[in-house]
C-alpha atoms as a PDB file:
ATOM      1  CA  MET A   1       0.000   0.000   0.000  1.00  0.00           C
ATOM      2  CA  ALA A   2       1.146   3.535  -0.670  1.00  0.00           C
ATOM      3  CA  LEU A   3       2.174   5.355   2.494  1.00  0.00           C
ATOM      4  CA  HIS A   4       0.407   8.576   3.416  1.00  0.00           C
ATOM      5  CA  GLN A   5       2.185  11.839   2.617  1.00  0.00           C
ATOM      6  CA  ALA A   6       1.251  15.121   4.298  1.00  0.00           C
ATOM      7  CA  SER A   7      -0.127  17.899   2.090  1.00  0.00           C
ATOM      8  CA  GLY A   8       2.753  20.207   3.029  1.00  0.00           C
ATOM      9  CA  ARG A   9       0.497  22.974   4.391  1.00  0.00           C
ATOM     10  CA  TRP A  10       2.459  23.001   7.647  1.00  0.00           C
ATOM     11  CA  GLN A  11       1.074  26.332   8.867  1.00  0.00           C
ATOM     12  CA  LEU A  12      -2.453  24.895   8.834  1.00  0.00           C
ATOM     13  CA  GLY A  13      -1.175  21.707  10.428  1.00  0.00           C
ATOM     14  CA  LEU A  14       0.459  23.735  13.204  1.00  0.00           C
ATOM     15  CA  VAL A  15      -2.732  25.699  13.931  1.00  0.00           C
ATOM     16  CA  LEU A  16      -4.783  22.502  14.017  1.00  0.00           C
ATOM     17  CA  ALA A  17      -2.268  20.777  16.302  1.00  0.00           C
ATOM     18  CA  LEU A  18      -2.301  23.750  18.695  1.00  0.00           C
ATOM     19  CA  SER A  19      -6.114  23.688  18.678  1.00  0.00           C
ATOM     20  CA  THR A  20      -6.021  20.007  19.608  1.00  0.00           C
ATOM     21  CA  ALA A  21      -3.616  20.717  22.460  1.00  0.00           C
ATOM     22  CA  ALA A  22      -5.864  23.485  23.820  1.00  0.00           C
ATOM     23  CA  LEU A  23      -8.965  21.278  23.680  1.00  0.00           C
ATOM     24  CA  TRP A  24      -7.196  18.366  25.354  1.00  0.00           C
ATOM     25  CA  ALA A  25      -5.850  20.690  28.046  1.00  0.00           C
ATOM     26  CA  THR A  26      -9.368  21.562  29.213  1.00  0.00           C
ATOM     27  CA  LEU A  27     -10.654  17.994  28.995  1.00  0.00           C
ATOM     28  CA  PRO A  28      -9.184  16.468  32.216  1.00  0.00           C
ATOM     29  CA  VAL A  29     -10.995  18.985  34.421  1.00  0.00           C
ATOM     30  CA  ALA A  30     -14.337  18.144  32.820  1.00  0.00           C
ATOM     31  CA  LEU A  31     -13.563  14.422  32.992  1.00  0.00           C
ATOM     32  CA  LYS A  32     -12.666  14.683  36.672  1.00  0.00           C
ATOM     33  CA  LEU A  33     -16.031  16.336  37.349  1.00  0.00           C
ATOM     34  CA  ALA A  34     -17.921  13.732  35.333  1.00  0.00           C
ATOM     35  CA  LEU A  35     -16.161  10.860  37.125  1.00  0.00           C
ATOM     36  CA  GLU A  36     -17.654  12.095  40.389  1.00  0.00           C
ATOM     37  CA  VAL A  37     -21.060  10.798  39.269  1.00  0.00           C
ATOM     38  CA  THR A  38     -20.349   8.070  36.709  1.00  0.00           C
ATOM     39  CA  ASP A  39     -17.793   5.372  35.929  1.00  0.00           C
ATOM     40  CA  ALA A  40     -15.082   5.337  33.268  1.00  0.00           C
ATOM     41  CA  TYR A  41     -16.876   2.863  30.996  1.00  0.00           C
ATOM     42  CA  THR A  42     -20.200   4.717  30.980  1.00  0.00           C
ATOM     43  CA  LEU A  43     -18.463   8.054  30.441  1.00  0.00           C
ATOM     44  CA  THR A  44     -16.431   6.673  27.525  1.00  0.00           C
ATOM     45  CA  TRP A  45     -19.505   5.035  25.965  1.00  0.00           C
ATOM     46  CA  PHE A  46     -21.477   8.293  26.214  1.00  0.00           C
ATOM     47  CA  ARG A  47     -18.708  10.305  24.575  1.00  0.00           C
ATOM     48  CA  PHE A  48     -18.435   7.883  21.683  1.00  0.00           C
ATOM     49  CA  LEU A  49     -22.219   7.652  21.260  1.00  0.00           C
ATOM     50  CA  VAL A  50     -22.729  11.424  21.016  1.00  0.00           C
ATOM     51  CA  ALA A  51     -19.761  11.741  18.663  1.00  0.00           C
ATOM     52  CA  ALA A  52     -21.073   8.920  16.443  1.00  0.00           C
ATOM     53  CA  LEU A  53     -24.571  10.426  16.207  1.00  0.00           C
ATOM     54  CA  VAL A  54     -23.359  13.940  15.396  1.00  0.00           C
ATOM     55  CA  MET A  55     -20.659  12.826  12.959  1.00  0.00           C
ATOM     56  CA  GLY A  56     -22.991  10.322  11.261  1.00  0.00           C
ATOM     57  CA  ALA A  57     -25.665  12.966  10.724  1.00  0.00           C
ATOM     58  CA  TRP A  58     -23.135  15.456   9.372  1.00  0.00           C
ATOM     59  CA  LEU A  59     -21.554  12.990   6.943  1.00  0.00           C
ATOM     60  CA  GLY A  60     -24.947  11.662   5.877  1.00  0.00           C
ATOM     61  CA  LEU A  61     -26.084  15.136   4.867  1.00  0.00           C
ATOM     62  CA  ARG A  62     -22.868  15.684   2.918  1.00  0.00           C
ATOM     63  CA  ASN A  63     -22.832  12.272   1.175  1.00  0.00           C
ATOM     64  CA  GLY A  64     -19.613  11.501   3.007  1.00  0.00           C
ATOM     65  CA  LEU A  65     -20.247   7.781   3.529  1.00  0.00           C
ATOM     66  CA  ARG A  66     -19.513   6.557   0.009  1.00  0.00           C
ATOM     67  CA  GLY A  67     -15.818   6.009   0.663  1.00  0.00           C
ATOM     68  CA  PHE A  68     -16.535   2.936   2.786  1.00  0.00           C
ATOM     69  CA  ALA A  69     -17.690   1.018  -0.320  1.00  0.00           C
ATOM     70  CA  THR A  70     -14.198   1.167  -1.837  1.00  0.00           C
ATOM     71  CA  LEU A  71     -12.289  -0.257   1.144  1.00  0.00           C
ATOM     72  CA  SER A  72     -10.315  -3.478   0.917  1.00  0.00           C
ATOM     73  CA  ARG A  73     -10.135  -6.150   3.591  1.00  0.00           C
ATOM     74  CA  ALA A  74      -6.791  -4.711   4.748  1.00  0.00           C
ATOM     75  CA  ASP A  75      -8.440  -1.285   5.111  1.00  0.00           C
ATOM     76  CA  TRP A  76     -11.231  -2.718   7.254  1.00  0.00           C
ATOM     77  CA  LEU A  77      -8.697  -4.495   9.450  1.00  0.00           C
ATOM     78  CA  LEU A  78      -6.724  -1.281   9.909  1.00  0.00           C
ATOM     79  CA  LEU A  79      -9.936   0.618  10.707  1.00  0.00           C
ATOM     80  CA  SER A  80     -10.858  -1.995  13.307  1.00  0.00           C
ATOM     81  CA  LEU A  81      -7.394  -1.782  14.847  1.00  0.00           C
ATOM     82  CA  ALA A  82      -7.665   2.009  15.073  1.00  0.00           C
ATOM     83  CA  ALA A  83     -11.057   1.721  16.798  1.00  0.00           C
ATOM     84  CA  LEU A  84      -9.789  -0.864  19.276  1.00  0.00           C
ATOM     85  CA  MET A  85      -6.708   1.192  20.132  1.00  0.00           C
ATOM     86  CA  LEU A  86      -8.646   4.430  20.658  1.00  0.00           C
ATOM     87  CA  MET A  87     -11.183   2.638  22.865  1.00  0.00           C
ATOM     88  CA  GLY A  88      -8.320   1.308  24.945  1.00  0.00           C
ATOM     89  CA  ASN A  89      -6.814   4.769  25.223  1.00  0.00           C
ATOM     90  CA  TYR A  90     -10.059   6.332  26.457  1.00  0.00           C
ATOM     91  CA  VAL A  91     -10.716   3.690  29.101  1.00  0.00           C
ATOM     92  CA  LEU A  92      -7.141   3.397  30.388  1.00  0.00           C
ATOM     93  CA  TYR A  93      -6.743   7.178  30.566  1.00  0.00           C
ATOM     94  CA  LEU A  94      -9.954   7.597  32.550  1.00  0.00           C
ATOM     95  CA  LEU A  95      -9.089   4.789  34.957  1.00  0.00           C
ATOM     96  CA  GLY A  96      -5.694   6.382  35.514  1.00  0.00           C
ATOM     97  CA  LEU A  97      -7.122   9.893  35.854  1.00  0.00           C
ATOM     98  CA  ASP A  98      -9.389   8.651  38.644  1.00  0.00           C
ATOM     99  CA  LEU A  99      -6.254   7.744  40.635  1.00  0.00           C
ATOM    100  CA  THR A 100      -4.186  10.868  39.989  1.00  0.00           C
ATOM    101  CA  THR A 101      -4.530  14.572  39.131  1.00  0.00           C
ATOM    102  CA  PRO A 102      -5.311  16.240  35.785  1.00  0.00           C
ATOM    103  CA  ALA A 103      -1.795  17.631  35.276  1.00  0.00           C
ATOM    104  CA  ASN A 104      -0.146  14.342  36.209  1.00  0.00           C
ATOM    105  CA  ALA A 105      -2.331  12.409  33.817  1.00  0.00           C
ATOM    106  CA  GLN A 106      -1.706  14.872  30.993  1.00  0.00           C
ATOM    107  CA  LEU A 107       2.017  14.757  31.656  1.00  0.00           C
ATOM    108  CA  ILE A 108       2.217  10.972  31.501  1.00  0.00           C
ATOM    109  CA  ILE A 109      -0.029  10.740  28.439  1.00  0.00           C
ATOM    110  CA  GLN A 110       2.638  12.764  26.614  1.00  0.00           C
ATOM    111  CA  LEU A 111       4.436   9.472  26.172  1.00  0.00           C
ATOM    112  CA  ALA A 112       1.854   9.026  23.413  1.00  0.00           C
ATOM    113  CA  PRO A 113       3.059  11.768  21.023  1.00  0.00           C
ATOM    114  CA  LEU A 114       6.671  10.769  21.696  1.00  0.00           C
ATOM    115  CA  LEU A 115       5.857   7.181  20.754  1.00  0.00           C
ATOM    116  CA  MET A 116       3.937   8.459  17.730  1.00  0.00           C
ATOM    117  CA  ALA A 117       6.969  10.483  16.641  1.00  0.00           C
ATOM    118  CA  VAL A 118       9.209   7.433  16.832  1.00  0.00           C
ATOM    119  CA  GLY A 119       6.605   5.348  15.032  1.00  0.00           C
ATOM    120  CA  ALA A 120       6.239   7.937  12.270  1.00  0.00           C
ATOM    121  CA  ILE A 121       9.984   7.899  11.681  1.00  0.00           C
ATOM    122  CA  VAL A 122       9.999   4.091  11.484  1.00  0.00           C
ATOM    123  CA  VAL A 123       6.740   3.526   9.582  1.00  0.00           C
ATOM    124  CA  PHE A 124       6.410   6.600   7.342  1.00  0.00           C
ATOM    125  CA  GLY A 125      10.086   7.409   6.826  1.00  0.00           C
ATOM    126  CA  GLU A 126       9.790  10.881   8.343  1.00  0.00           C
ATOM    127  CA  ARG A 127      13.096  12.463   9.347  1.00  0.00           C
ATOM    128  CA  PHE A 128      14.219  15.050  11.879  1.00  0.00           C
ATOM    129  CA  SER A 129      16.983  17.590  11.428  1.00  0.00           C
ATOM    130  CA  ARG A 130      19.741  17.716  14.025  1.00  0.00           C
ATOM    131  CA  GLY A 131      18.087  20.679  15.722  1.00  0.00           C
ATOM    132  CA  GLN A 132      14.810  18.807  15.941  1.00  0.00           C
ATOM    133  CA  TRP A 133      16.491  15.763  17.488  1.00  0.00           C
ATOM    134  CA  ILE A 134      18.042  18.056  20.099  1.00  0.00           C
ATOM    135  CA  GLY A 135      14.618  19.556  20.743  1.00  0.00           C
ATOM    136  CA  LEU A 136      13.123  16.111  21.169  1.00  0.00           C
ATOM    137  CA  GLY A 137      15.849  15.270  23.692  1.00  0.00           C
ATOM    138  CA  VAL A 138      15.150  18.472  25.646  1.00  0.00           C
ATOM    139  CA  LEU A 139      11.444  17.633  25.621  1.00  0.00           C
ATOM    140  CA  ALA A 140      12.113  14.123  26.960  1.00  0.00           C
ATOM    141  CA  CYS A 141      14.325  15.552  29.735  1.00  0.00           C
ATOM    142  CA  GLY A 142      11.572  17.982  30.664  1.00  0.00           C
ATOM    143  CA  LEU A 143       9.019  15.211  30.919  1.00  0.00           C
ATOM    144  CA  ALA A 144      11.410  13.180  33.104  1.00  0.00           C
ATOM    145  CA  LEU A 145      11.990  16.116  35.474  1.00  0.00           C
ATOM    146  CA  PHE A 146       8.277  16.799  35.781  1.00  0.00           C
ATOM    147  CA  PHE A 147       7.541  13.147  36.477  1.00  0.00           C
ATOM    148  CA  ARG A 148      10.281  13.055  39.126  1.00  0.00           C
ATOM    149  CA  ASP A 149       8.815  16.132  40.788  1.00  0.00           C
ATOM    150  CA  GLN A 150       5.349  14.595  40.892  1.00  0.00           C
ATOM    151  CA  LEU A 151       6.685  11.370  42.394  1.00  0.00           C
ATOM    152  CA  LEU A 152       8.171  13.428  45.224  1.00  0.00           C
ATOM    153  CA  VAL A 153       4.875  15.194  46.010  1.00  0.00           C
ATOM    154  CA  ALA A 154       2.918  11.929  45.766  1.00  0.00           C
ATOM    155  CA  VAL A 155       4.632  10.296  48.752  1.00  0.00           C
ATOM    156  CA  ALA A 156       1.374  10.440  50.730  1.00  0.00           C
ATOM    157  CA  ALA A 157      -0.200   7.890  48.371  1.00  0.00           C
ATOM    158  CA  PRO A 158       2.591   6.455  46.184  1.00  0.00           C
ATOM    159  CA  GLY A 159       0.739   3.233  45.370  1.00  0.00           C
ATOM    160  CA  ARG A 160      -2.312   5.078  44.070  1.00  0.00           C
ATOM    161  CA  TYR A 161      -0.174   7.493  42.058  1.00  0.00           C
ATOM    162  CA  LEU A 162       1.938   4.754  40.506  1.00  0.00           C
ATOM    163  CA  ALA A 163      -1.116   2.649  39.642  1.00  0.00           C
ATOM    164  CA  GLY A 164      -2.737   5.624  37.959  1.00  0.00           C
ATOM    165  CA  SER A 165       0.508   6.435  36.156  1.00  0.00           C
ATOM    166  CA  LEU A 166       0.818   2.901  34.776  1.00  0.00           C
ATOM    167  CA  LEU A 167      -2.768   2.948  33.512  1.00  0.00           C
ATOM    168  CA  VAL A 168      -2.241   6.281  31.766  1.00  0.00           C
ATOM    169  CA  ALA A 169       1.057   5.042  30.320  1.00  0.00           C
ATOM    170  CA  GLY A 170      -0.772   2.036  28.890  1.00  0.00           C
ATOM    171  CA  GLY A 171      -3.239   4.448  27.357  1.00  0.00           C
ATOM    172  CA  ALA A 172      -0.336   6.300  25.751  1.00  0.00           C
ATOM    173  CA  VAL A 173       0.980   3.141  24.097  1.00  0.00           C
ATOM    174  CA  VAL A 174      -2.339   2.203  22.505  1.00  0.00           C
ATOM    175  CA  TRP A 175      -2.983   5.830  21.471  1.00  0.00           C
ATOM    176  CA  ALA A 176       0.276   5.927  19.512  1.00  0.00           C
ATOM    177  CA  ALA A 177      -0.791   2.779  17.654  1.00  0.00           C
ATOM    178  CA  TYR A 178      -4.175   4.381  16.909  1.00  0.00           C
ATOM    179  CA  ALA A 179      -2.578   7.589  15.617  1.00  0.00           C
ATOM    180  CA  LEU A 180      -0.295   5.786  13.179  1.00  0.00           C
ATOM    181  CA  ALA A 181      -3.200   3.689  11.893  1.00  0.00           C
ATOM    182  CA  GLN A 182      -5.305   6.841  11.539  1.00  0.00           C
ATOM    183  CA  LYS A 183      -2.622   8.568   9.477  1.00  0.00           C
ATOM    184  CA  GLN A 184      -2.308   5.643   7.081  1.00  0.00           C
ATOM    185  CA  LEU A 185      -6.081   5.395   6.689  1.00  0.00           C
ATOM    186  CA  LEU A 186      -6.101   8.936   5.311  1.00  0.00           C
ATOM    187  CA  THR A 187      -5.057   7.551   1.945  1.00  0.00           C
ATOM    188  CA  ARG A 188      -8.450   5.818   1.606  1.00  0.00           C
ATOM    189  CA  LEU A 189     -10.998   7.790   3.629  1.00  0.00           C
ATOM    190  CA  SER A 190     -11.617  11.329   4.796  1.00  0.00           C
ATOM    191  CA  SER A 191     -10.730  12.002   8.418  1.00  0.00           C
ATOM    192  CA  PRO A 192     -14.414  12.452   9.448  1.00  0.00           C
ATOM    193  CA  ALA A 193     -15.278   9.072   7.916  1.00  0.00           C
ATOM    194  CA  VAL A 194     -12.490   7.350   9.843  1.00  0.00           C
ATOM    195  CA  MET A 195     -13.607   8.959  13.082  1.00  0.00           C
ATOM    196  CA  LEU A 196     -17.251   8.027  12.435  1.00  0.00           C
ATOM    197  CA  PHE A 197     -16.328   4.358  12.099  1.00  0.00           C
ATOM    198  CA  ILE A 198     -14.298   4.484  15.312  1.00  0.00           C
ATOM    199  CA  TYR A 199     -17.035   6.294  17.235  1.00  0.00           C
ATOM    200  CA  ALA A 200     -19.769   3.945  16.031  1.00  0.00           C
ATOM    201  CA  VAL A 201     -17.832   0.736  16.728  1.00  0.00           C
ATOM    202  CA  ALA A 202     -16.739   1.953  20.155  1.00  0.00           C
ATOM    203  CA  SER A 203     -20.262   2.976  21.198  1.00  0.00           C
ATOM    204  CA  VAL A 204     -21.558  -0.502  20.302  1.00  0.00           C
ATOM    205  CA  VAL A 205     -18.676  -2.450  21.848  1.00  0.00           C
ATOM    206  CA  LEU A 206     -18.757  -0.470  25.106  1.00  0.00           C
ATOM    207  CA  LEU A 207     -22.547  -0.564  25.532  1.00  0.00           C
ATOM    208  CA  PRO A 208     -22.553  -3.813  27.614  1.00  0.00           C
ATOM    209  CA  THR A 209     -20.120  -2.206  30.090  1.00  0.00           C
ATOM    210  CA  ALA A 210     -22.107   1.034  30.473  1.00  0.00           C
ATOM    211  CA  THR A 211     -24.820   1.891  32.997  1.00  0.00           C
ATOM    212  CA  PRO A 212     -26.713   4.787  31.358  1.00  0.00           C
ATOM    213  CA  ARG A 213     -29.652   5.001  33.798  1.00  0.00           C
ATOM    214  CA  PRO A 214     -27.823   7.079  36.478  1.00  0.00           C
ATOM    215  CA  LEU A 215     -27.100   9.730  33.852  1.00  0.00           C
ATOM    216  CA  LEU A 216     -30.776  10.721  33.979  1.00  0.00           C
ATOM    217  CA  GLU A 217     -30.322  11.870  37.571  1.00  0.00           C
ATOM    218  CA  LEU A 218     -27.332  14.167  37.055  1.00  0.00           C
ATOM    219  CA  GLY A 219     -27.413  17.801  38.107  1.00  0.00           C
ATOM    220  CA  THR A 220     -26.797  20.725  35.767  1.00  0.00           C
ATOM    221  CA  LEU A 221     -23.062  21.041  36.484  1.00  0.00           C
ATOM    222  CA  HIS A 222     -22.326  17.377  35.870  1.00  0.00           C
ATOM    223  CA  TRP A 223     -24.482  17.291  32.726  1.00  0.00           C
ATOM    224  CA  LEU A 224     -22.561  20.269  31.367  1.00  0.00           C
ATOM    225  CA  ALA A 225     -19.284  18.496  32.156  1.00  0.00           C
ATOM    226  CA  LEU A 226     -20.534  15.318  30.468  1.00  0.00           C
ATOM    227  CA  LEU A 227     -21.674  17.141  27.327  1.00  0.00           C
ATOM    228  CA  TYR A 228     -18.433  19.096  27.152  1.00  0.00           C
ATOM    229  CA  CYS A 229     -16.480  15.835  27.281  1.00  0.00           C
ATOM    230  CA  ALA A 230     -18.565  14.468  24.414  1.00  0.00           C
ATOM    231  CA  PHE A 231     -18.292  17.482  22.122  1.00  0.00           C
ATOM    232  CA  ASN A 232     -14.642  17.973  23.021  1.00  0.00           C
ATOM    233  CA  THR A 233     -14.128  14.529  21.488  1.00  0.00           C
ATOM    234  CA  LEU A 234     -15.547  15.715  18.180  1.00  0.00           C
ATOM    235  CA  ALA A 235     -13.631  18.978  18.053  1.00  0.00           C
ATOM    236  CA  ALA A 236     -10.266  17.752  19.334  1.00  0.00           C
ATOM    237  CA  TYR A 237     -10.031  14.600  17.246  1.00  0.00           C
ATOM    238  CA  GLY A 238     -11.368  16.405  14.195  1.00  0.00           C
ATOM    239  CA  ALA A 239      -8.573  18.969  14.500  1.00  0.00           C
ATOM    240  CA  PHE A 240      -6.023  16.245  15.218  1.00  0.00           C
ATOM    241  CA  ALA A 241      -7.052  14.196  12.200  1.00  0.00           C
ATOM    242  CA  GLU A 242      -6.818  17.212   9.898  1.00  0.00           C
ATOM    243  CA  ALA A 243      -3.432  18.160  11.359  1.00  0.00           C
ATOM    244  CA  LEU A 244      -2.133  14.731  10.336  1.00  0.00           C
ATOM    245  CA  ALA A 245      -3.428  15.314   6.813  1.00  0.00           C
ATOM    246  CA  HIS A 246      -1.371  18.504   6.419  1.00  0.00           C
ATOM    247  CA  TRP A 247       1.750  17.978   8.547  1.00  0.00           C
ATOM    248  CA  ASP A 248       4.161  15.187   9.445  1.00  0.00           C
ATOM    249  CA  ALA A 249       2.949  13.003  12.303  1.00  0.00           C
ATOM    250  CA  SER A 250       6.265  13.465  14.097  1.00  0.00           C
ATOM    251  CA  ARG A 251       5.836  17.277  13.999  1.00  0.00           C
ATOM    252  CA  VAL A 252       2.226  17.107  15.178  1.00  0.00           C
ATOM    253  CA  SER A 253       3.256  14.866  18.066  1.00  0.00           C
ATOM    254  CA  VAL A 254       5.742  17.297  19.538  1.00  0.00           C
ATOM    255  CA  VAL A 255       3.296  20.215  19.398  1.00  0.00           C
ATOM    256  CA  LEU A 256       0.887  18.109  21.431  1.00  0.00           C
ATOM    257  CA  ALA A 257       3.573  17.802  24.109  1.00  0.00           C
ATOM    258  CA  ILE A 258       2.660  21.293  25.399  1.00  0.00           C
ATOM    259  CA  THR A 259      -0.750  19.975  26.491  1.00  0.00           C
ATOM    260  CA  PRO A 260       0.290  19.333  30.150  1.00  0.00           C
ATOM    261  CA  LEU A 261       1.414  22.930  30.518  1.00  0.00           C
ATOM    262  CA  LEU A 262      -1.874  24.205  29.181  1.00  0.00           C
ATOM    263  CA  THR A 263      -3.629  21.814  31.566  1.00  0.00           C
ATOM    264  CA  MET A 264      -1.739  23.303  34.516  1.00  0.00           C
ATOM    265  CA  LEU A 265      -2.912  26.758  33.486  1.00  0.00           C
ATOM    266  CA  VAL A 266      -6.509  25.572  33.159  1.00  0.00           C
ATOM    267  CA  VAL A 267      -6.437  23.826  36.550  1.00  0.00           C
ATOM    268  CA  ALA A 268      -4.940  26.903  38.212  1.00  0.00           C
ATOM    269  CA  LEU A 269      -7.588  29.151  36.657  1.00  0.00           C
ATOM    270  CA  VAL A 270     -10.494  26.882  37.588  1.00  0.00           C
ATOM    271  CA  HIS A 271      -9.162  26.450  41.124  1.00  0.00           C
ATOM    272  CA  ALA A 272      -8.830  30.229  41.522  1.00  0.00           C
ATOM    273  CA  LEU A 273     -12.414  30.795  40.345  1.00  0.00           C
ATOM    274  CA  ALA A 274     -14.006  27.774  42.071  1.00  0.00           C
ATOM    275  CA  PRO A 275     -11.680  26.115  44.622  1.00  0.00           C
ATOM    276  CA  ALA A 276     -14.189  23.392  45.473  1.00  0.00           C
ATOM    277  CA  MET A 277     -14.488  22.268  41.868  1.00  0.00           C
ATOM    278  CA  VAL A 278     -10.906  21.071  41.367  1.00  0.00           C
ATOM    279  CA  ALA A 279      -7.899  20.794  43.675  1.00  0.00           C
ATOM    280  CA  ALA A 280      -4.792  22.847  43.016  1.00  0.00           C
ATOM    281  CA  GLU A 281      -1.824  21.032  41.510  1.00  0.00           C
ATOM    282  CA  GLN A 282       1.209  20.492  43.745  1.00  0.00           C
ATOM    283  CA  ILE A 283       4.219  21.343  41.577  1.00  0.00           C
ATOM    284  CA  GLY A 284       7.715  22.051  42.868  1.00  0.00           C
ATOM    285  CA  ALA A 285      10.656  23.917  41.328  1.00  0.00           C
ATOM    286  CA  LEU A 286      11.847  20.757  39.587  1.00  0.00           C
ATOM    287  CA  GLY A 287       8.423  20.319  38.016  1.00  0.00           C
ATOM    288  CA  TYR A 288       8.304  23.865  36.717  1.00  0.00           C
ATOM    289  CA  LEU A 289      11.789  23.477  35.249  1.00  0.00           C
ATOM    290  CA  GLY A 290      10.623  20.336  33.502  1.00  0.00           C
ATOM    291  CA  ALA A 291       7.574  22.185  32.205  1.00  0.00           C
ATOM    292  CA  VAL A 292       9.740  24.922  30.685  1.00  0.00           C
ATOM    293  CA  LEU A 293      11.961  22.317  29.025  1.00  0.00           C
ATOM    294  CA  VAL A 294       8.890  20.630  27.551  1.00  0.00           C
ATOM    295  CA  VAL A 295       7.811  23.897  25.924  1.00  0.00           C
ATOM    296  CA  VAL A 296      11.299  24.663  24.587  1.00  0.00           C
ATOM    297  CA  GLY A 297      11.805  21.132  23.308  1.00  0.00           C
ATOM    298  CA  SER A 298       8.374  21.013  21.717  1.00  0.00           C
ATOM    299  CA  ALA A 299       8.948  24.282  19.863  1.00  0.00           C
ATOM    300  CA  ALA A 300      12.383  23.206  18.665  1.00  0.00           C
ATOM    301  CA  SER A 301      11.230  19.772  17.502  1.00  0.00           C
ATOM    302  CA  SER A 302       8.259  21.232  15.643  1.00  0.00           C
ATOM    303  CA  LEU A 303       9.765  24.241  13.962  1.00  0.00           C
ATOM    304  CA  LEU A 304      13.558  23.975  13.631  1.00  0.00           C
ATOM    305  CA  GLY A 305      15.254  22.735  10.508  1.00  0.00           C
ATOM    306  CA  THR A 306      14.042  22.013   7.026  1.00  0.00           C
ATOM    307  CA  ARG A 307      12.166  18.922   6.057  1.00  0.00           C
ATOM    308  CA  ARG A 308      14.378  16.248   4.524  1.00  0.00           C
ATOM    309  CA  ALA A 309      13.437  13.711   1.917  1.00  0.00           C
ATOM    310  CA  PRO A 310      11.798  10.648   3.428  1.00  0.00           C
ATOM    311  CA  LEU A 311      13.729   7.422   3.829  1.00  0.00           C
ATOM    312  CA  LEU A 312      13.188   4.618   1.360  1.00  0.00           C
ATOM    313  CA  VAL A 313      10.139   2.499   2.171  1.00  0.00           C
ATOM    314  CA  PRO A 314      11.237  -0.910   3.516  1.00  0.00           C
ATOM    315  CA  ALA A 315      10.660  -3.786   1.126  1.00  0.00           C
ATOM    316  CA  ALA A 316       8.172  -5.393   3.507  1.00  0.00           C
ATOM    317  CA  ALA A 317       6.030  -2.268   3.491  1.00  0.00           C
ATOM    318  CA  ALA A 318       6.308  -1.831  -0.264  1.00  0.00           C
ATOM    319  CA  ALA A 319       5.018  -5.371  -0.764  1.00  0.00           C
ATOM    320  CA  VAL A 320       1.638  -4.532   0.772  1.00  0.00           C
ATOM    321  CA  PRO A 321      -1.135  -4.163  -1.846  1.00  0.00           C
ATOM    322  CA  ALA A 322      -1.393  -0.592  -3.070  1.00  0.00           C
ATOM    323  CA  ASP A 323      -5.150  -0.338  -2.528  1.00  0.00           C
ATOM    324  CA  SER A 324      -5.079  -0.349   1.261  1.00  0.00           C
ATOM    325  CA  THR A 325      -4.398   3.250   2.382  1.00  0.00           C
ATOM    326  CA  GLN A 326      -5.966   5.958   4.638  1.00  0.00           C
ATOM    327  CA  ARG A 327      -8.557   8.065   6.397  1.00  0.00           C
END
């Protein structure tokens, strides 16, 4: 199969990636509120269901469903893999978030874009300049310092923190696999069509694990949080999917690494306005240093250097039938 190539409109890709980061930064606070009154499986099912209904209606009105008729068996398998991986990411992230804080969870989930960057280099032949490799190293050091800082402030409940961290880390691994599958699917389907399939499959698969009845008894605040989580899914993943269409996956991934810093700002703002709604983050000097390094490394990895020609496609990849590409 032919490998996906970005359109080259990197400015648009950058704006879309930054939009995704901003949307994801606000999401943990809303998720934390929603988890006060529902469980991770029901919350994930609801988000996928709303996204599937809205996206299905939108594509139906625009005759955007015809692309599914042209898919090969390999395409359907890749679509199914993408759906399974994104479901796993949602559930593991929520289970981990329930055991830790929003900023911690967003920090650890940044393993996902790093893994996606490595995967994009291996799978799609993307290359970094020397300056970008240095930026990626600075970013990784920043993440390590932040994680070390949070381990120090989590001594009161280290078992809970570590369990939550491992769950979120597992979510990062499966998300990276989803993202690479999503990028390749873009050669066969539009990004909204790919997301519709994932949303629809996930809402059906997760239905047996959900308990929707308690949702009818939610108060206004928790309903608003629940709806925001659902529509955030549509907006954030729509922007992310389009970013992949216009920019290298490795570049998109490092922009998304600023998400934890944006999350810290959101948590601080919400805590200042409504202290009872969300607890303040406990971040020491080491953590703030790590946060600064993440920003510097992300900017360097995304923007420094010129794009080089991609590596030759490995023979094993070139042998795949050419009719089995993308989103």
